Amino acid sequence: MALVRKDITAEVRGRPVWLASGFFAAVVLVVFVFALDLRVENKAALGPGALWIAVLFSGIIGIGRAFASESDYGRMDRLLICPVDRRAIFVAKLLGTMLFVSLVLVVLLPVFGVLFGLAVLRLDIIGVLLLGALGIATVTTLFSAGTTHSAAREILLPLIAFPLLLPVMIAAVKATEGIITPVVNDSPWVGLLIAYDVIFLSIGMLTFGQVMDE
């Protein structure tokens, strides 16, 4: 919790990157509205894909932020010598990244609802969004730790993380679409999201200490 408070304080006192990311995501949605032949009958089909593409693109701005503040002035070394379990550091940074993605969604959802005319402020859709956000946050946090000291981390991290994020993006789009336009005998996309989150959370908890040591 001390690490989470530190990251929140740094975010409040520094530049509001989450607000810039939310604004960028809103601009992406506006471009989609004008680029696509948006009609009443295809809003439900095109909306989920546009929403998650905007979430992913906006994440480019904030990706790698989990350990960005620790890579300067030897802060990472001081963090590693703290007498705490490395998994506690992983969970703290994961919560910070999850908070960042959630704030972007807070900015993005009302804009999406207005532009596409879809009711998205529903508990089932918010649940899918949080599951997808957790998958994104878990993968980016883990690989952000591994690329912290790389000179090309801004390029290397997306190249590594984006292929691994394809399953969660596909499942999130299909699950959101299935809620907006229910289909009989639809595939269990929500179950796939949950399985993805559990798998990568387990991988992160098991390997984070070794990743940090390397």
N, C-alpha and C. Protein backbone atom coordinates (compact mmCIF):
# COMPACT_ATOMS: atom_id res chain seq x y z
N MET A 1 0.83 -1.21 0.00
CA MET A 1 0.00 0.00 0.00
C MET A 1 0.86 1.26 0.00
N ALA A 2 2.05 1.18 0.62
CA ALA A 2 2.95 2.34 0.60
C ALA A 2 3.40 2.66 -0.82
N LEU A 3 3.70 1.61 -1.60
CA LEU A 3 4.09 1.83 -3.00
C LEU A 3 2.93 2.39 -3.81
N VAL A 4 1.74 1.89 -3.57
CA VAL A 4 0.57 2.40 -4.29
C VAL A 4 0.35 3.87 -3.98
N ARG A 5 0.45 4.23 -2.70
CA ARG A 5 0.29 5.64 -2.31
C ARG A 5 1.36 6.51 -2.95
N LYS A 6 2.60 6.00 -3.02
CA LYS A 6 3.68 6.76 -3.65
C LYS A 6 3.39 7.02 -5.12
N ASP A 7 2.92 6.00 -5.83
CA ASP A 7 2.63 6.16 -7.25
C ASP A 7 1.46 7.12 -7.47
N ILE A 8 0.45 7.02 -6.61
CA ILE A 8 -0.70 7.92 -6.75
C ILE A 8 -0.27 9.36 -6.47
N THR A 9 0.55 9.56 -5.45
CA THR A 9 1.04 10.90 -5.14
C THR A 9 1.86 11.48 -6.28
N ALA A 10 2.72 10.65 -6.87
CA ALA A 10 3.53 11.10 -8.01
C ALA A 10 2.66 11.46 -9.19
N GLU A 11 1.58 10.71 -9.40
CA GLU A 11 0.67 11.00 -10.51
C GLU A 11 -0.09 12.30 -10.27
N VAL A 12 -0.50 12.52 -9.03
CA VAL A 12 -1.25 13.74 -8.71
C VAL A 12 -0.36 14.97 -8.82
N ARG A 13 0.86 14.86 -8.32
CA ARG A 13 1.76 16.01 -8.33
C ARG A 13 2.39 16.25 -9.70
N GLY A 14 2.48 15.20 -10.51
CA GLY A 14 3.10 15.35 -11.82
C GLY A 14 2.08 15.67 -12.90
N ARG A 15 2.45 15.33 -14.13
CA ARG A 15 1.57 15.57 -15.26
C ARG A 15 0.46 14.53 -15.29
N PRO A 16 -0.79 14.95 -15.51
CA PRO A 16 -1.90 13.99 -15.55
C PRO A 16 -1.90 13.19 -16.85
N VAL A 17 -1.03 12.18 -16.91
CA VAL A 17 -0.90 11.39 -18.14
C VAL A 17 -2.19 10.64 -18.43
N TRP A 18 -2.89 10.21 -17.38
CA TRP A 18 -4.14 9.47 -17.61
C TRP A 18 -5.17 10.34 -18.33
N LEU A 19 -5.17 11.65 -18.03
CA LEU A 19 -6.10 12.54 -18.69
C LEU A 19 -5.73 12.71 -20.16
N ALA A 20 -4.44 12.82 -20.44
CA ALA A 20 -3.98 12.91 -21.83
C ALA A 20 -4.31 11.63 -22.59
N SER A 21 -4.15 10.48 -21.93
CA SER A 21 -4.48 9.21 -22.58
C SER A 21 -5.96 9.10 -22.85
N GLY A 22 -6.79 9.53 -21.89
CA GLY A 22 -8.22 9.52 -22.11
C GLY A 22 -8.64 10.44 -23.25
N PHE A 23 -8.02 11.61 -23.33
CA PHE A 23 -8.31 12.53 -24.42
C PHE A 23 -7.90 11.93 -25.77
N PHE A 24 -6.72 11.29 -25.80
CA PHE A 24 -6.26 10.65 -27.03
C PHE A 24 -7.22 9.54 -27.45
N ALA A 25 -7.70 8.74 -26.48
CA ALA A 25 -8.64 7.68 -26.79
C ALA A 25 -9.95 8.25 -27.34
N ALA A 26 -10.41 9.38 -26.78
CA ALA A 26 -11.62 10.02 -27.28
C ALA A 26 -11.43 10.50 -28.73
N VAL A 27 -10.24 11.02 -29.03
CA VAL A 27 -9.95 11.46 -30.40
C VAL A 27 -9.97 10.26 -31.36
N VAL A 28 -9.44 9.12 -30.90
CA VAL A 28 -9.47 7.90 -31.72
C VAL A 28 -10.90 7.51 -32.03
N LEU A 29 -11.78 7.60 -31.05
CA LEU A 29 -13.19 7.26 -31.27
C LEU A 29 -13.83 8.22 -32.26
N VAL A 30 -13.52 9.50 -32.16
CA VAL A 30 -14.07 10.48 -33.11
C VAL A 30 -13.62 10.15 -34.52
N VAL A 31 -12.36 9.78 -34.69
CA VAL A 31 -11.85 9.39 -36.01
C VAL A 31 -12.60 8.18 -36.53
N PHE A 32 -12.88 7.20 -35.66
CA PHE A 32 -13.63 6.03 -36.07
C PHE A 32 -15.03 6.40 -36.54
N VAL A 33 -15.66 7.31 -35.83
CA VAL A 33 -17.02 7.71 -36.19
C VAL A 33 -17.06 8.30 -37.59
N PHE A 34 -16.07 9.13 -37.92
CA PHE A 34 -16.05 9.76 -39.23
C PHE A 34 -15.49 8.84 -40.31
N ALA A 35 -14.62 7.89 -39.94
CA ALA A 35 -14.01 7.01 -40.93
C ALA A 35 -14.94 5.87 -41.33
N LEU A 36 -15.73 5.39 -40.38
CA LEU A 36 -16.64 4.28 -40.65
C LEU A 36 -17.98 4.78 -41.16
N ASP A 37 -18.62 3.95 -41.91
CA ASP A 37 -19.98 4.26 -42.37
C ASP A 37 -20.94 3.90 -41.24
N LEU A 38 -21.02 4.79 -40.26
CA LEU A 38 -21.76 4.50 -39.04
C LEU A 38 -23.24 4.74 -39.25
N ARG A 39 -24.01 3.68 -39.09
CA ARG A 39 -25.46 3.76 -39.22
C ARG A 39 -26.09 3.10 -37.99
N VAL A 40 -27.39 3.28 -37.85
CA VAL A 40 -28.08 2.73 -36.69
C VAL A 40 -27.92 1.22 -36.62
N GLU A 41 -27.98 0.55 -37.78
CA GLU A 41 -27.97 -0.91 -37.78
C GLU A 41 -26.58 -1.51 -37.55
N ASN A 42 -25.51 -0.72 -37.73
CA ASN A 42 -24.19 -1.31 -37.53
C ASN A 42 -23.43 -0.72 -36.35
N LYS A 43 -24.07 0.13 -35.57
CA LYS A 43 -23.40 0.71 -34.41
C LYS A 43 -22.99 -0.36 -33.41
N ALA A 44 -23.89 -1.30 -33.15
CA ALA A 44 -23.60 -2.34 -32.16
C ALA A 44 -22.49 -3.27 -32.63
N ALA A 45 -22.36 -3.45 -33.95
CA ALA A 45 -21.33 -4.34 -34.48
C ALA A 45 -19.96 -3.67 -34.48
N LEU A 46 -19.91 -2.38 -34.78
CA LEU A 46 -18.64 -1.67 -34.89
C LEU A 46 -18.17 -1.06 -33.57
N GLY A 47 -19.11 -0.77 -32.67
CA GLY A 47 -18.78 -0.08 -31.43
C GLY A 47 -17.77 -0.80 -30.55
N PRO A 48 -17.95 -2.10 -30.23
CA PRO A 48 -17.00 -2.76 -29.33
C PRO A 48 -15.57 -2.76 -29.85
N GLY A 49 -15.39 -3.01 -31.14
CA GLY A 49 -14.05 -2.99 -31.71
C GLY A 49 -13.40 -1.62 -31.59
N ALA A 50 -14.17 -0.57 -31.91
CA ALA A 50 -13.64 0.79 -31.82
C ALA A 50 -13.28 1.13 -30.37
N LEU A 51 -14.11 0.69 -29.43
CA LEU A 51 -13.85 0.97 -28.01
C LEU A 51 -12.53 0.37 -27.57
N TRP A 52 -12.30 -0.90 -27.87
CA TRP A 52 -11.09 -1.57 -27.37
C TRP A 52 -9.84 -1.14 -28.13
N ILE A 53 -9.98 -0.77 -29.40
CA ILE A 53 -8.84 -0.21 -30.12
C ILE A 53 -8.43 1.11 -29.47
N ALA A 54 -9.42 1.92 -29.09
CA ALA A 54 -9.12 3.18 -28.42
C ALA A 54 -8.43 2.94 -27.08
N VAL A 55 -8.89 1.93 -26.34
CA VAL A 55 -8.26 1.59 -25.05
C VAL A 55 -6.80 1.17 -25.27
N LEU A 56 -6.56 0.33 -26.29
CA LEU A 56 -5.21 -0.15 -26.55
C LEU A 56 -4.30 0.99 -27.01
N PHE A 57 -4.80 1.82 -27.92
CA PHE A 57 -3.99 2.93 -28.42
C PHE A 57 -3.66 3.93 -27.31
N SER A 58 -4.64 4.21 -26.47
CA SER A 58 -4.37 5.14 -25.37
C SER A 58 -3.37 4.56 -24.39
N GLY A 59 -3.34 3.22 -24.29
CA GLY A 59 -2.38 2.58 -23.42
C GLY A 59 -0.94 2.77 -23.87
N ILE A 60 -0.76 3.07 -25.17
CA ILE A 60 0.60 3.30 -25.66
C ILE A 60 1.24 4.47 -24.93
N ILE A 61 0.43 5.49 -24.62
CA ILE A 61 0.97 6.67 -23.93
C ILE A 61 1.43 6.30 -22.52
N GLY A 62 0.63 5.49 -21.84
CA GLY A 62 0.96 5.18 -20.45
C GLY A 62 1.67 3.87 -20.25
N ILE A 63 1.94 3.12 -21.34
CA ILE A 63 2.55 1.80 -21.19
C ILE A 63 3.97 1.94 -20.64
N GLY A 64 4.33 1.10 -19.77
CA GLY A 64 5.65 1.16 -19.17
C GLY A 64 5.77 2.11 -18.01
N ARG A 65 4.67 2.73 -17.59
CA ARG A 65 4.73 3.69 -16.51
C ARG A 65 4.91 3.02 -15.15
N ALA A 66 4.66 1.73 -15.07
CA ALA A 66 4.71 1.05 -13.78
C ALA A 66 6.07 1.21 -13.10
N PHE A 67 7.14 1.14 -13.89
CA PHE A 67 8.47 1.23 -13.30
C PHE A 67 9.26 2.40 -13.86
N ALA A 68 8.60 3.28 -14.62
CA ALA A 68 9.32 4.41 -15.21
C ALA A 68 9.91 5.33 -14.14
N SER A 69 9.15 5.55 -13.06
CA SER A 69 9.63 6.45 -12.01
C SER A 69 10.75 5.83 -11.18
N GLU A 70 10.92 4.50 -11.28
CA GLU A 70 11.94 3.84 -10.49
C GLU A 70 13.26 3.70 -11.23
N SER A 71 13.27 4.00 -12.52
CA SER A 71 14.47 3.75 -13.32
C SER A 71 15.50 4.87 -13.23
N ASP A 72 15.16 5.99 -12.59
CA ASP A 72 16.07 7.12 -12.49
C ASP A 72 16.63 7.24 -11.07
N TYR A 73 17.85 7.74 -10.98
CA TYR A 73 18.49 8.10 -9.71
C TYR A 73 18.62 6.92 -8.75
N GLY A 74 18.71 5.70 -9.30
CA GLY A 74 18.93 4.53 -8.46
C GLY A 74 17.75 4.11 -7.62
N ARG A 75 16.55 4.57 -7.97
CA ARG A 75 15.39 4.21 -7.16
C ARG A 75 15.08 2.71 -7.24
N MET A 76 15.35 2.11 -8.40
CA MET A 76 15.08 0.68 -8.53
C MET A 76 15.93 -0.13 -7.56
N ASP A 77 17.20 0.24 -7.41
CA ASP A 77 18.08 -0.48 -6.47
C ASP A 77 17.57 -0.37 -5.04
N ARG A 78 17.12 0.81 -4.67
CA ARG A 78 16.59 0.99 -3.31
C ARG A 78 15.29 0.22 -3.11
N LEU A 79 14.51 0.12 -4.20
CA LEU A 79 13.27 -0.65 -4.10
C LEU A 79 13.56 -2.13 -3.90
N LEU A 80 14.59 -2.63 -4.59
CA LEU A 80 14.89 -4.05 -4.53
C LEU A 80 15.48 -4.49 -3.19
N ILE A 81 16.11 -3.56 -2.48
CA ILE A 81 16.69 -3.95 -1.19
C ILE A 81 15.69 -3.80 -0.05
N CYS A 82 14.47 -3.40 -0.35
CA CYS A 82 13.45 -3.33 0.69
C CYS A 82 13.16 -4.74 1.22
N PRO A 83 13.02 -4.89 2.52
CA PRO A 83 12.79 -6.23 3.10
C PRO A 83 11.34 -6.68 2.95
N VAL A 84 10.89 -6.78 1.70
CA VAL A 84 9.53 -7.24 1.43
C VAL A 84 9.58 -8.30 0.33
N ASP A 85 8.56 -9.09 0.27
CA ASP A 85 8.44 -10.08 -0.79
C ASP A 85 8.33 -9.37 -2.14
N ARG A 86 9.04 -9.90 -3.14
CA ARG A 86 9.00 -9.29 -4.47
C ARG A 86 7.58 -9.30 -5.05
N ARG A 87 6.78 -10.27 -4.64
CA ARG A 87 5.42 -10.33 -5.13
C ARG A 87 4.59 -9.14 -4.65
N ALA A 88 4.95 -8.60 -3.47
CA ALA A 88 4.26 -7.41 -2.99
C ALA A 88 4.54 -6.22 -3.90
N ILE A 89 5.77 -6.12 -4.41
CA ILE A 89 6.11 -5.06 -5.35
C ILE A 89 5.31 -5.22 -6.64
N PHE A 90 5.20 -6.47 -7.12
CA PHE A 90 4.44 -6.73 -8.34
C PHE A 90 2.98 -6.34 -8.17
N VAL A 91 2.38 -6.73 -7.06
CA VAL A 91 0.97 -6.41 -6.82
C VAL A 91 0.77 -4.90 -6.72
N ALA A 92 1.69 -4.21 -6.05
CA ALA A 92 1.57 -2.76 -5.91
C ALA A 92 1.64 -2.07 -7.26
N LYS A 93 2.60 -2.46 -8.08
CA LYS A 93 2.72 -1.85 -9.40
C LYS A 93 1.54 -2.22 -10.30
N LEU A 94 1.03 -3.45 -10.14
CA LEU A 94 -0.15 -3.86 -10.90
C LEU A 94 -1.35 -3.01 -10.53
N LEU A 95 -1.54 -2.75 -9.25
CA LEU A 95 -2.66 -1.92 -8.81
C LEU A 95 -2.53 -0.50 -9.36
N GLY A 96 -1.31 0.03 -9.40
CA GLY A 96 -1.10 1.35 -9.96
C GLY A 96 -1.43 1.41 -11.44
N THR A 97 -1.01 0.39 -12.20
CA THR A 97 -1.31 0.33 -13.63
C THR A 97 -2.80 0.15 -13.85
N MET A 98 -3.43 -0.68 -13.02
CA MET A 98 -4.87 -0.90 -13.13
C MET A 98 -5.64 0.39 -12.86
N LEU A 99 -5.17 1.17 -11.90
CA LEU A 99 -5.81 2.45 -11.62
C LEU A 99 -5.68 3.38 -12.81
N PHE A 100 -4.51 3.39 -13.45
CA PHE A 100 -4.29 4.24 -14.62
C PHE A 100 -5.27 3.87 -15.74
N VAL A 101 -5.39 2.57 -16.05
CA VAL A 101 -6.29 2.13 -17.12
C VAL A 101 -7.74 2.44 -16.75
N SER A 102 -8.10 2.28 -15.49
CA SER A 102 -9.47 2.56 -15.05
C SER A 102 -9.82 4.03 -15.21
N LEU A 103 -8.86 4.93 -14.91
CA LEU A 103 -9.10 6.36 -15.08
C LEU A 103 -9.29 6.71 -16.55
N VAL A 104 -8.54 6.05 -17.42
CA VAL A 104 -8.72 6.26 -18.86
C VAL A 104 -10.13 5.83 -19.28
N LEU A 105 -10.59 4.71 -18.74
CA LEU A 105 -11.94 4.23 -19.06
C LEU A 105 -13.01 5.19 -18.55
N VAL A 106 -12.77 5.81 -17.40
CA VAL A 106 -13.73 6.79 -16.86
C VAL A 106 -13.91 7.94 -17.83
N VAL A 107 -12.81 8.39 -18.44
CA VAL A 107 -12.88 9.47 -19.43
C VAL A 107 -13.50 8.98 -20.73
N LEU A 108 -13.20 7.73 -21.10
CA LEU A 108 -13.55 7.22 -22.42
C LEU A 108 -15.01 6.79 -22.55
N LEU A 109 -15.55 6.16 -21.52
CA LEU A 109 -16.89 5.56 -21.63
C LEU A 109 -17.99 6.57 -21.96
N PRO A 110 -18.08 7.72 -21.27
CA PRO A 110 -19.13 8.68 -21.64
C PRO A 110 -19.01 9.17 -23.08
N VAL A 111 -17.77 9.38 -23.54
CA VAL A 111 -17.56 9.82 -24.92
C VAL A 111 -18.03 8.73 -25.89
N PHE A 112 -17.69 7.50 -25.59
CA PHE A 112 -18.11 6.38 -26.43
C PHE A 112 -19.63 6.27 -26.49
N GLY A 113 -20.28 6.38 -25.33
CA GLY A 113 -21.73 6.29 -25.29
C GLY A 113 -22.41 7.36 -26.12
N VAL A 114 -21.86 8.58 -26.08
CA VAL A 114 -22.47 9.68 -26.85
C VAL A 114 -22.24 9.51 -28.34
N LEU A 115 -21.02 9.15 -28.74
CA LEU A 115 -20.68 9.06 -30.16
C LEU A 115 -21.37 7.89 -30.84
N PHE A 116 -21.46 6.76 -30.16
CA PHE A 116 -22.03 5.56 -30.78
C PHE A 116 -23.47 5.32 -30.38
N GLY A 117 -23.99 6.10 -29.44
CA GLY A 117 -25.38 5.95 -29.05
C GLY A 117 -25.69 4.61 -28.42
N LEU A 118 -24.74 4.05 -27.69
CA LEU A 118 -24.92 2.75 -27.05
C LEU A 118 -24.88 2.91 -25.54
N ALA A 119 -25.71 2.14 -24.86
CA ALA A 119 -25.75 2.18 -23.39
C ALA A 119 -24.62 1.31 -22.84
N VAL A 120 -23.56 1.95 -22.40
CA VAL A 120 -22.40 1.20 -21.91
C VAL A 120 -22.23 1.30 -20.40
N LEU A 121 -22.96 2.17 -19.76
CA LEU A 121 -22.86 2.29 -18.30
C LEU A 121 -23.74 1.24 -17.64
N ARG A 122 -23.35 -0.01 -17.86
CA ARG A 122 -24.04 -1.17 -17.31
C ARG A 122 -23.03 -2.02 -16.55
N LEU A 123 -23.51 -2.70 -15.52
CA LEU A 123 -22.60 -3.46 -14.68
C LEU A 123 -21.91 -4.58 -15.46
N ASP A 124 -22.64 -5.25 -16.38
CA ASP A 124 -22.02 -6.35 -17.11
C ASP A 124 -20.93 -5.85 -18.05
N ILE A 125 -21.15 -4.72 -18.71
CA ILE A 125 -20.13 -4.17 -19.60
C ILE A 125 -18.94 -3.65 -18.79
N ILE A 126 -19.22 -2.99 -17.66
CA ILE A 126 -18.13 -2.50 -16.81
C ILE A 126 -17.30 -3.68 -16.29
N GLY A 127 -17.97 -4.79 -15.98
CA GLY A 127 -17.24 -5.97 -15.53
C GLY A 127 -16.30 -6.50 -16.61
N VAL A 128 -16.78 -6.55 -17.86
CA VAL A 128 -15.93 -6.99 -18.97
C VAL A 128 -14.76 -6.02 -19.16
N LEU A 129 -15.03 -4.73 -19.06
CA LEU A 129 -13.98 -3.73 -19.20
C LEU A 129 -12.91 -3.89 -18.12
N LEU A 130 -13.32 -4.16 -16.90
CA LEU A 130 -12.35 -4.34 -15.82
C LEU A 130 -11.54 -5.62 -16.00
N LEU A 131 -12.18 -6.69 -16.49
CA LEU A 131 -11.43 -7.92 -16.76
C LEU A 131 -10.40 -7.70 -17.86
N GLY A 132 -10.81 -7.00 -18.92
CA GLY A 132 -9.87 -6.70 -19.99
C GLY A 132 -8.76 -5.78 -19.52
N ALA A 133 -9.11 -4.79 -18.71
CA ALA A 133 -8.10 -3.87 -18.18
C ALA A 133 -7.11 -4.60 -17.28
N LEU A 134 -7.60 -5.59 -16.52
CA LEU A 134 -6.71 -6.36 -15.65
C LEU A 134 -5.71 -7.16 -16.47
N GLY A 135 -6.18 -7.75 -17.58
CA GLY A 135 -5.27 -8.49 -18.45
C GLY A 135 -4.20 -7.58 -19.04
N ILE A 136 -4.61 -6.41 -19.51
CA ILE A 136 -3.64 -5.46 -20.07
C ILE A 136 -2.64 -5.01 -19.01
N ALA A 137 -3.15 -4.69 -17.82
CA ALA A 137 -2.29 -4.21 -16.74
C ALA A 137 -1.30 -5.28 -16.29
N THR A 138 -1.74 -6.53 -16.22
CA THR A 138 -0.86 -7.61 -15.76
C THR A 138 0.30 -7.82 -16.72
N VAL A 139 0.01 -7.90 -18.01
CA VAL A 139 1.06 -8.15 -19.00
C VAL A 139 2.04 -6.97 -19.06
N THR A 140 1.50 -5.75 -19.12
CA THR A 140 2.38 -4.59 -19.24
C THR A 140 3.22 -4.37 -17.98
N THR A 141 2.67 -4.67 -16.81
CA THR A 141 3.44 -4.53 -15.58
C THR A 141 4.60 -5.51 -15.54
N LEU A 142 4.33 -6.76 -15.90
CA LEU A 142 5.38 -7.78 -15.86
C LEU A 142 6.52 -7.44 -16.82
N PHE A 143 6.18 -7.08 -18.05
CA PHE A 143 7.23 -6.82 -19.03
C PHE A 143 7.83 -5.43 -18.87
N SER A 144 7.11 -4.54 -18.22
CA SER A 144 7.70 -3.25 -17.89
C SER A 144 8.86 -3.42 -16.92
N ALA A 145 8.72 -4.36 -15.99
CA ALA A 145 9.80 -4.64 -15.06
C ALA A 145 11.02 -5.20 -15.78
N GLY A 146 10.79 -6.02 -16.80
CA GLY A 146 11.91 -6.64 -17.51
C GLY A 146 12.62 -5.71 -18.47
N THR A 147 11.97 -4.64 -18.89
CA THR A 147 12.58 -3.74 -19.87
C THR A 147 12.94 -2.38 -19.27
N THR A 148 12.91 -2.27 -17.94
CA THR A 148 13.13 -0.98 -17.30
C THR A 148 14.48 -0.38 -17.66
N HIS A 149 15.52 -1.20 -17.63
CA HIS A 149 16.88 -0.68 -17.86
C HIS A 149 17.29 -0.72 -19.32
N SER A 150 16.38 -1.10 -20.20
CA SER A 150 16.71 -1.12 -21.62
C SER A 150 16.68 0.29 -22.19
N ALA A 151 17.64 0.61 -23.04
CA ALA A 151 17.68 1.94 -23.65
C ALA A 151 16.53 2.17 -24.60
N ALA A 152 15.98 1.09 -25.16
CA ALA A 152 14.88 1.20 -26.12
C ALA A 152 13.59 0.65 -25.54
N ARG A 153 13.36 0.88 -24.23
CA ARG A 153 12.19 0.27 -23.59
C ARG A 153 10.87 0.79 -24.16
N GLU A 154 10.84 2.06 -24.65
CA GLU A 154 9.60 2.60 -25.21
C GLU A 154 9.18 1.84 -26.46
N ILE A 155 10.16 1.28 -27.19
CA ILE A 155 9.86 0.50 -28.39
C ILE A 155 9.78 -0.98 -28.07
N LEU A 156 10.67 -1.46 -27.21
CA LEU A 156 10.75 -2.88 -26.92
C LEU A 156 9.51 -3.39 -26.19
N LEU A 157 9.01 -2.63 -25.24
CA LEU A 157 7.87 -3.08 -24.45
C LEU A 157 6.62 -3.31 -25.30
N PRO A 158 6.20 -2.37 -26.16
CA PRO A 158 5.04 -2.66 -27.01
C PRO A 158 5.26 -3.85 -27.94
N LEU A 159 6.48 -4.01 -28.47
CA LEU A 159 6.75 -5.14 -29.37
C LEU A 159 6.59 -6.47 -28.66
N ILE A 160 6.94 -6.51 -27.38
CA ILE A 160 6.80 -7.76 -26.62
C ILE A 160 5.37 -7.96 -26.13
N ALA A 161 4.76 -6.88 -25.65
CA ALA A 161 3.46 -7.02 -24.98
C ALA A 161 2.30 -7.17 -25.95
N PHE A 162 2.31 -6.46 -27.07
CA PHE A 162 1.15 -6.45 -27.95
C PHE A 162 0.76 -7.82 -28.49
N PRO A 163 1.72 -8.66 -28.93
CA PRO A 163 1.30 -10.01 -29.35
C PRO A 163 0.62 -10.81 -28.25
N LEU A 164 1.09 -10.65 -27.02
CA LEU A 164 0.48 -11.36 -25.90
C LEU A 164 -0.88 -10.78 -25.53
N LEU A 165 -1.14 -9.54 -25.92
CA LEU A 165 -2.43 -8.92 -25.61
C LEU A 165 -3.51 -9.23 -26.64
N LEU A 166 -3.14 -9.86 -27.76
CA LEU A 166 -4.15 -10.17 -28.78
C LEU A 166 -5.28 -11.05 -28.25
N PRO A 167 -4.99 -12.13 -27.49
CA PRO A 167 -6.11 -12.94 -26.99
C PRO A 167 -7.07 -12.16 -26.10
N VAL A 168 -6.54 -11.33 -25.20
CA VAL A 168 -7.43 -10.59 -24.30
C VAL A 168 -8.21 -9.53 -25.08
N MET A 169 -7.61 -8.95 -26.12
CA MET A 169 -8.32 -7.96 -26.92
C MET A 169 -9.46 -8.60 -27.70
N ILE A 170 -9.19 -9.75 -28.32
CA ILE A 170 -10.23 -10.46 -29.08
C ILE A 170 -11.37 -10.89 -28.16
N ALA A 171 -11.01 -11.47 -27.01
CA ALA A 171 -12.04 -11.91 -26.07
C ALA A 171 -12.85 -10.74 -25.54
N ALA A 172 -12.18 -9.61 -25.26
CA ALA A 172 -12.88 -8.45 -24.73
C ALA A 172 -13.84 -7.87 -25.76
N VAL A 173 -13.40 -7.78 -27.02
CA VAL A 173 -14.28 -7.27 -28.07
C VAL A 173 -15.50 -8.17 -28.24
N LYS A 174 -15.27 -9.47 -28.30
CA LYS A 174 -16.38 -10.42 -28.50
C LYS A 174 -17.32 -10.44 -27.30
N ALA A 175 -16.76 -10.35 -26.09
CA ALA A 175 -17.61 -10.34 -24.90
C ALA A 175 -18.45 -9.08 -24.84
N THR A 176 -17.86 -7.93 -25.17
CA THR A 176 -18.63 -6.68 -25.19
C THR A 176 -19.70 -6.72 -26.25
N GLU A 177 -19.36 -7.24 -27.43
CA GLU A 177 -20.35 -7.35 -28.50
C GLU A 177 -21.48 -8.30 -28.12
N GLY A 178 -21.14 -9.38 -27.42
CA GLY A 178 -22.17 -10.34 -26.99
C GLY A 178 -23.13 -9.76 -25.98
N ILE A 179 -22.66 -8.80 -25.18
CA ILE A 179 -23.56 -8.15 -24.21
C ILE A 179 -24.46 -7.14 -24.90
N ILE A 180 -23.88 -6.37 -25.83
CA ILE A 180 -24.67 -5.35 -26.54
C ILE A 180 -25.70 -5.99 -27.46
N THR A 181 -25.29 -7.02 -28.19
CA THR A 181 -26.21 -7.73 -29.09
C THR A 181 -26.16 -9.21 -28.72
N PRO A 182 -26.97 -9.65 -27.77
CA PRO A 182 -26.94 -11.04 -27.31
C PRO A 182 -27.19 -12.03 -28.45
N VAL A 183 -26.39 -13.11 -28.43
CA VAL A 183 -26.51 -14.17 -29.44
C VAL A 183 -26.71 -15.49 -28.72
N VAL A 184 -27.61 -16.32 -29.25
CA VAL A 184 -27.87 -17.63 -28.66
C VAL A 184 -26.64 -18.52 -28.86
N ASN A 185 -26.27 -19.26 -27.83
CA ASN A 185 -25.13 -20.17 -27.88
C ASN A 185 -23.83 -19.44 -28.22
N ASP A 186 -23.67 -18.27 -27.67
CA ASP A 186 -22.45 -17.51 -27.91
C ASP A 186 -21.28 -18.16 -27.17
N SER A 187 -20.08 -17.98 -27.71
CA SER A 187 -18.89 -18.57 -27.09
C SER A 187 -18.63 -17.94 -25.72
N PRO A 188 -18.02 -18.69 -24.82
CA PRO A 188 -17.78 -18.17 -23.45
C PRO A 188 -16.59 -17.22 -23.41
N TRP A 189 -16.75 -16.04 -23.99
CA TRP A 189 -15.63 -15.10 -24.06
C TRP A 189 -15.27 -14.55 -22.69
N VAL A 190 -16.27 -14.37 -21.83
CA VAL A 190 -15.97 -13.88 -20.48
C VAL A 190 -15.13 -14.90 -19.73
N GLY A 191 -15.44 -16.17 -19.91
CA GLY A 191 -14.63 -17.21 -19.28
C GLY A 191 -13.19 -17.20 -19.78
N LEU A 192 -13.01 -16.91 -21.08
CA LEU A 192 -11.66 -16.80 -21.62
C LEU A 192 -10.91 -15.62 -21.01
N LEU A 193 -11.62 -14.50 -20.81
CA LEU A 193 -10.99 -13.34 -20.15
C LEU A 193 -10.54 -13.70 -18.74
N ILE A 194 -11.39 -14.36 -18.00
CA ILE A 194 -11.04 -14.74 -16.62
C ILE A 194 -9.85 -15.69 -16.61
N ALA A 195 -9.86 -16.68 -17.53
CA ALA A 195 -8.75 -17.63 -17.59
C ALA A 195 -7.45 -16.92 -17.95
N TYR A 196 -7.52 -15.98 -18.88
CA TYR A 196 -6.33 -15.21 -19.28
C TYR A 196 -5.77 -14.44 -18.09
N ASP A 197 -6.65 -13.76 -17.36
CA ASP A 197 -6.20 -12.99 -16.19
C ASP A 197 -5.56 -13.88 -15.14
N VAL A 198 -6.18 -15.03 -14.87
CA VAL A 198 -5.65 -15.94 -13.86
C VAL A 198 -4.29 -16.47 -14.27
N ILE A 199 -4.15 -16.84 -15.55
CA ILE A 199 -2.88 -17.40 -16.03
C ILE A 199 -1.75 -16.38 -15.92
N PHE A 200 -1.99 -15.16 -16.39
CA PHE A 200 -0.91 -14.18 -16.38
C PHE A 200 -0.66 -13.61 -14.99
N LEU A 201 -1.68 -13.56 -14.15
CA LEU A 201 -1.43 -13.20 -12.75
C LEU A 201 -0.54 -14.25 -12.08
N SER A 202 -0.81 -15.51 -12.36
CA SER A 202 0.00 -16.58 -11.77
C SER A 202 1.43 -16.52 -12.30
N ILE A 203 1.58 -16.29 -13.62
CA ILE A 203 2.92 -16.18 -14.20
C ILE A 203 3.68 -15.01 -13.58
N GLY A 204 2.97 -13.89 -13.43
CA GLY A 204 3.61 -12.72 -12.84
C GLY A 204 4.05 -12.95 -11.41
N MET A 205 3.20 -13.58 -10.61
CA MET A 205 3.55 -13.83 -9.22
C MET A 205 4.72 -14.81 -9.09
N LEU A 206 4.79 -15.78 -10.01
CA LEU A 206 5.83 -16.79 -9.93
C LEU A 206 7.18 -16.32 -10.49
N THR A 207 7.15 -15.46 -11.47
CA THR A 207 8.39 -15.11 -12.18
C THR A 207 8.88 -13.70 -11.90
N PHE A 208 8.11 -12.89 -11.20
CA PHE A 208 8.49 -11.49 -11.04
C PHE A 208 9.83 -11.33 -10.32
N GLY A 209 10.05 -12.12 -9.27
CA GLY A 209 11.30 -12.01 -8.55
C GLY A 209 12.50 -12.28 -9.44
N GLN A 210 12.41 -13.32 -10.27
CA GLN A 210 13.52 -13.64 -11.18
C GLN A 210 13.69 -12.56 -12.23
N VAL A 211 12.58 -12.02 -12.74
CA VAL A 211 12.66 -10.94 -13.73
C VAL A 211 13.37 -9.73 -13.14
N MET A 212 13.04 -9.38 -11.92
CA MET A 212 13.68 -8.23 -11.28
C MET A 212 15.17 -8.48 -11.04
N ASP A 213 15.53 -9.70 -10.65
CA ASP A 213 16.93 -10.02 -10.41
C ASP A 213 17.73 -9.92 -11.70
N GLU A 214 17.14 -10.38 -12.81
CA GLU A 214 17.84 -10.31 -14.10
C GLU A 214 17.96 -8.87 -14.56
